[in-house]
Amino acid sequence: MWKKIEFAIVLLLLAVLIMMSNHLEEMVSSGRVTGRNPCIVLDSGHGGCR
């Protein structure tokens, strides 16, 4: 019985995440997301030193 409940909860969470990601994609592609302060992202890189 608990496995069915856990499975239902996981499916519900997955559905919510998919709906949220679709909404965020629409906002970003429409240009409605605006930031007042610039955001600088530093990528530390991958692969290590040689």
PDB file of N, CA and C in Angstrom:
ATOM      1  N   MET A   1       0.820  -1.187   0.000  1.00  0.00           N
ATOM      2  CA  MET A   1       0.000   0.000   0.000  1.00  0.00           C
ATOM      3  C   MET A   1       0.873   1.263   0.000  1.00  0.00           C
ATOM      4  N   TRP A   2       1.942   1.272   0.798  1.00  0.00           N
ATOM      5  CA  TRP A   2       2.810   2.454   0.871  1.00  0.00           C
ATOM      6  C   TRP A   2       3.526   2.701  -0.447  1.00  0.00           C
ATOM      7  N   LYS A   3       3.855   1.635  -1.154  1.00  0.00           N
ATOM      8  CA  LYS A   3       4.530   1.793  -2.452  1.00  0.00           C
ATOM      9  C   LYS A   3       3.630   2.530  -3.439  1.00  0.00           C
ATOM     10  N   LYS A   4       2.337   2.248  -3.413  1.00  0.00           N
ATOM     11  CA  LYS A   4       1.413   2.938  -4.307  1.00  0.00           C
ATOM     12  C   LYS A   4       1.307   4.415  -3.951  1.00  0.00           C
ATOM     13  N   ILE A   5       1.283   4.720  -2.665  1.00  0.00           N
ATOM     14  CA  ILE A   5       1.203   6.109  -2.217  1.00  0.00           C
ATOM     15  C   ILE A   5       2.482   6.847  -2.597  1.00  0.00           C
ATOM     16  N   GLU A   6       3.637   6.217  -2.368  1.00  0.00           N
ATOM     17  CA  GLU A   6       4.911   6.835  -2.740  1.00  0.00           C
ATOM     18  C   GLU A   6       4.977   7.076  -4.249  1.00  0.00           C
ATOM     19  N   PHE A   7       4.528   6.114  -5.021  1.00  0.00           N
ATOM     20  CA  PHE A   7       4.526   6.244  -6.475  1.00  0.00           C
ATOM     21  C   PHE A   7       3.629   7.396  -6.919  1.00  0.00           C
ATOM     22  N   ALA A   8       2.461   7.526  -6.312  1.00  0.00           N
ATOM     23  CA  ALA A   8       1.532   8.605  -6.641  1.00  0.00           C
ATOM     24  C   ALA A   8       2.134   9.962  -6.293  1.00  0.00           C
ATOM     25  N   ILE A   9       2.821  10.054  -5.166  1.00  0.00           N
ATOM     26  CA  ILE A   9       3.452  11.314  -4.758  1.00  0.00           C
ATOM     27  C   ILE A   9       4.558  11.685  -5.732  1.00  0.00           C
ATOM     28  N   VAL A  10       5.366  10.718  -6.131  1.00  0.00           N
ATOM     29  CA  VAL A  10       6.450  10.987  -7.084  1.00  0.00           C
ATOM     30  C   VAL A  10       5.878  11.448  -8.421  1.00  0.00           C
ATOM     31  N   LEU A  11       4.827  10.806  -8.893  1.00  0.00           N
ATOM     32  CA  LEU A  11       4.201  11.229 -10.143  1.00  0.00           C
ATOM     33  C   LEU A  11       3.626  12.639 -10.032  1.00  0.00           C
ATOM     34  N   LEU A  12       3.022  12.960  -8.904  1.00  0.00           N
ATOM     35  CA  LEU A  12       2.466  14.291  -8.700  1.00  0.00           C
ATOM     36  C   LEU A  12       3.569  15.346  -8.699  1.00  0.00           C
ATOM     37  N   LEU A  13       4.652  15.077  -7.999  1.00  0.00           N
ATOM     38  CA  LEU A  13       5.775  16.014  -7.965  1.00  0.00           C
ATOM     39  C   LEU A  13       6.391  16.190  -9.356  1.00  0.00           C
ATOM     40  N   LEU A  14       6.511  15.115 -10.092  1.00  0.00           N
ATOM     41  CA  LEU A  14       7.045  15.188 -11.447  1.00  0.00           C
ATOM     42  C   LEU A  14       6.148  16.040 -12.344  1.00  0.00           C
ATOM     43  N   ALA A  15       4.846  15.861 -12.219  1.00  0.00           N
ATOM     44  CA  ALA A  15       3.908  16.654 -13.016  1.00  0.00           C
ATOM     45  C   ALA A  15       4.011  18.137 -12.662  1.00  0.00           C
ATOM     46  N   VAL A  16       4.144  18.452 -11.382  1.00  0.00           N
ATOM     47  CA  VAL A  16       4.277  19.851 -10.949  1.00  0.00           C
ATOM     48  C   VAL A  16       5.562  20.449 -11.502  1.00  0.00           C
ATOM     49  N   LEU A  17       6.656  19.703 -11.445  1.00  0.00           N
ATOM     50  CA  LEU A  17       7.927  20.198 -11.976  1.00  0.00           C
ATOM     51  C   LEU A  17       7.848  20.453 -13.475  1.00  0.00           C
ATOM     52  N   ILE A  18       7.191  19.587 -14.194  1.00  0.00           N
ATOM     53  CA  ILE A  18       7.053  19.766 -15.641  1.00  0.00           C
ATOM     54  C   ILE A  18       6.221  21.006 -15.944  1.00  0.00           C
ATOM     55  N   MET A  19       5.138  21.214 -15.205  1.00  0.00           N
ATOM     56  CA  MET A  19       4.305  22.401 -15.428  1.00  0.00           C
ATOM     57  C   MET A  19       5.072  23.674 -15.093  1.00  0.00           C
ATOM     58  N   MET A  20       5.852  23.643 -14.024  1.00  0.00           N
ATOM     59  CA  MET A  20       6.631  24.821 -13.641  1.00  0.00           C
ATOM     60  C   MET A  20       7.699  25.120 -14.686  1.00  0.00           C
ATOM     61  N   SER A  21       8.362  24.098 -15.206  1.00  0.00           N
ATOM     62  CA  SER A  21       9.416  24.320 -16.186  1.00  0.00           C
ATOM     63  C   SER A  21       8.838  24.890 -17.483  1.00  0.00           C
ATOM     64  N   ASN A  22       7.660  24.447 -17.877  1.00  0.00           N
ATOM     65  CA  ASN A  22       7.016  24.993 -19.078  1.00  0.00           C
ATOM     66  C   ASN A  22       6.677  26.465 -18.877  1.00  0.00           C
ATOM     67  N   HIS A  23       6.201  26.822 -17.708  1.00  0.00           N
ATOM     68  CA  HIS A  23       5.852  28.216 -17.425  1.00  0.00           C
ATOM     69  C   HIS A  23       7.099  29.090 -17.409  1.00  0.00           C
ATOM     70  N   LEU A  24       8.174  28.616 -16.819  1.00  0.00           N
ATOM     71  CA  LEU A  24       9.410  29.389 -16.780  1.00  0.00           C
ATOM     72  C   LEU A  24       9.973  29.586 -18.178  1.00  0.00           C
ATOM     73  N   GLU A  25       9.891  28.575 -19.007  1.00  0.00           N
ATOM     74  CA  GLU A  25      10.378  28.686 -20.381  1.00  0.00           C
ATOM     75  C   GLU A  25       9.601  29.760 -21.140  1.00  0.00           C
ATOM     76  N   GLU A  26       8.285  29.817 -20.928  1.00  0.00           N
ATOM     77  CA  GLU A  26       7.467  30.842 -21.574  1.00  0.00           C
ATOM     78  C   GLU A  26       7.862  32.236 -21.108  1.00  0.00           C
ATOM     79  N   MET A  27       8.114  32.401 -19.822  1.00  0.00           N
ATOM     80  CA  MET A  27       8.483  33.712 -19.290  1.00  0.00           C
ATOM     81  C   MET A  27       9.816  34.179 -19.858  1.00  0.00           C
ATOM     82  N   VAL A  28      10.790  33.292 -19.899  1.00  0.00           N
ATOM     83  CA  VAL A  28      12.114  33.667 -20.373  1.00  0.00           C
ATOM     84  C   VAL A  28      12.088  33.972 -21.859  1.00  0.00           C
ATOM     85  N   SER A  29      11.399  33.161 -22.642  1.00  0.00           N
ATOM     86  CA  SER A  29      11.374  33.374 -24.088  1.00  0.00           C
ATOM     87  C   SER A  29      10.553  34.605 -24.470  1.00  0.00           C
ATOM     88  N   SER A  30       9.622  35.023 -23.625  1.00  0.00           N
ATOM     89  CA  SER A  30       8.805  36.192 -23.948  1.00  0.00           C
ATOM     90  C   SER A  30       9.495  37.491 -23.561  1.00  0.00           C
ATOM     91  N   GLY A  31      10.569  37.422 -22.819  1.00  0.00           N
ATOM     92  CA  GLY A  31      11.292  38.627 -22.423  1.00  0.00           C
ATOM     93  C   GLY A  31      10.683  39.322 -21.219  1.00  0.00           C
ATOM     94  N   ARG A  32       9.758  38.685 -20.527  1.00  0.00           N
ATOM     95  CA  ARG A  32       9.127  39.308 -19.373  1.00  0.00           C
ATOM     96  C   ARG A  32      10.014  39.274 -18.137  1.00  0.00           C
ATOM     97  N   VAL A  33      11.056  38.484 -18.167  1.00  0.00           N
ATOM     98  CA  VAL A  33      11.968  38.416 -17.037  1.00  0.00           C
ATOM     99  C   VAL A  33      12.992  39.528 -17.197  1.00  0.00           C
ATOM    100  N   THR A  34      12.999  40.430 -16.264  1.00  0.00           N
ATOM    101  CA  THR A  34      13.954  41.537 -16.324  1.00  0.00           C
ATOM    102  C   THR A  34      14.705  41.600 -15.005  1.00  0.00           C
ATOM    103  N   GLY A  35      15.945  41.951 -15.089  1.00  0.00           N
ATOM    104  CA  GLY A  35      16.751  42.101 -13.887  1.00  0.00           C
ATOM    105  C   GLY A  35      17.286  43.506 -13.794  1.00  0.00           C
ATOM    106  N   ARG A  36      17.271  44.048 -12.620  1.00  0.00           N
ATOM    107  CA  ARG A  36      17.764  45.401 -12.438  1.00  0.00           C
ATOM    108  C   ARG A  36      19.276  45.403 -12.267  1.00  0.00           C
ATOM    109  N   ASN A  37      19.790  44.385 -11.646  1.00  0.00           N
ATOM    110  CA  ASN A  37      21.231  44.286 -11.429  1.00  0.00           C
ATOM    111  C   ASN A  37      21.796  43.201 -12.330  1.00  0.00           C
ATOM    112  N   PRO A  38      22.932  43.463 -12.959  1.00  0.00           N
ATOM    113  CA  PRO A  38      23.536  42.408 -13.787  1.00  0.00           C
ATOM    114  C   PRO A  38      24.017  41.256 -12.915  1.00  0.00           C
ATOM    115  N   CYS A  39      23.952  40.082 -13.461  1.00  0.00           N
ATOM    116  CA  CYS A  39      24.392  38.887 -12.750  1.00  0.00           C
ATOM    117  C   CYS A  39      25.632  38.349 -13.445  1.00  0.00           C
ATOM    118  N   ILE A  40      26.713  38.215 -12.708  1.00  0.00           N
ATOM    119  CA  ILE A  40      27.960  37.702 -13.265  1.00  0.00           C
ATOM    120  C   ILE A  40      28.164  36.294 -12.722  1.00  0.00           C
ATOM    121  N   VAL A  41      28.341  35.355 -13.633  1.00  0.00           N
ATOM    122  CA  VAL A  41      28.513  33.956 -13.254  1.00  0.00           C
ATOM    123  C   VAL A  41      29.918  33.532 -13.623  1.00  0.00           C
ATOM    124  N   LEU A  42      30.642  32.981 -12.664  1.00  0.00           N
ATOM    125  CA  LEU A  42      31.998  32.486 -12.909  1.00  0.00           C
ATOM    126  C   LEU A  42      31.971  30.975 -12.979  1.00  0.00           C
ATOM    127  N   ASP A  43      32.494  30.437 -14.061  1.00  0.00           N
ATOM    128  CA  ASP A  43      32.569  28.998 -14.227  1.00  0.00           C
ATOM    129  C   ASP A  43      33.978  28.563 -13.875  1.00  0.00           C
ATOM    130  N   SER A  44      34.084  27.706 -12.884  1.00  0.00           N
ATOM    131  CA  SER A  44      35.418  27.285 -12.434  1.00  0.00           C
ATOM    132  C   SER A  44      36.112  26.375 -13.423  1.00  0.00           C
ATOM    133  N   GLY A  45      35.423  25.898 -14.403  1.00  0.00           N
ATOM    134  CA  GLY A  45      36.023  25.032 -15.407  1.00  0.00           C
ATOM    135  C   GLY A  45      35.948  23.571 -15.013  1.00  0.00           C
ATOM    136  N   HIS A  46      36.331  22.751 -15.935  1.00  0.00           N
ATOM    137  CA  HIS A  46      36.288  21.306 -15.715  1.00  0.00           C
ATOM    138  C   HIS A  46      37.563  20.692 -16.251  1.00  0.00           C
ATOM    139  N   GLY A  47      37.976  19.587 -15.710  1.00  0.00           N
ATOM    140  CA  GLY A  47      39.111  18.859 -16.232  1.00  0.00           C
ATOM    141  C   GLY A  47      40.365  18.943 -15.368  1.00  0.00           C
ATOM    142  N   GLY A  48      40.409  19.868 -14.452  1.00  0.00           N
ATOM    143  CA  GLY A  48      41.568  19.953 -13.559  1.00  0.00           C
ATOM    144  C   GLY A  48      42.791  20.529 -14.229  1.00  0.00           C
ATOM    145  N   CYS A  49      43.922  20.462 -13.524  1.00  0.00           N
ATOM    146  CA  CYS A  49      45.201  21.023 -14.010  1.00  0.00           C
ATOM    147  C   CYS A  49      46.012  19.947 -14.691  1.00  0.00           C
ATOM    148  N   ARG A  50      46.814  20.367 -15.656  1.00  0.00           N
ATOM    149  CA  ARG A  50      47.722  19.411 -16.334  1.00  0.00           C
ATOM    150  C   ARG A  50      49.097  19.952 -16.359  1.00  0.00           C
TER     151      ARG A  50
END
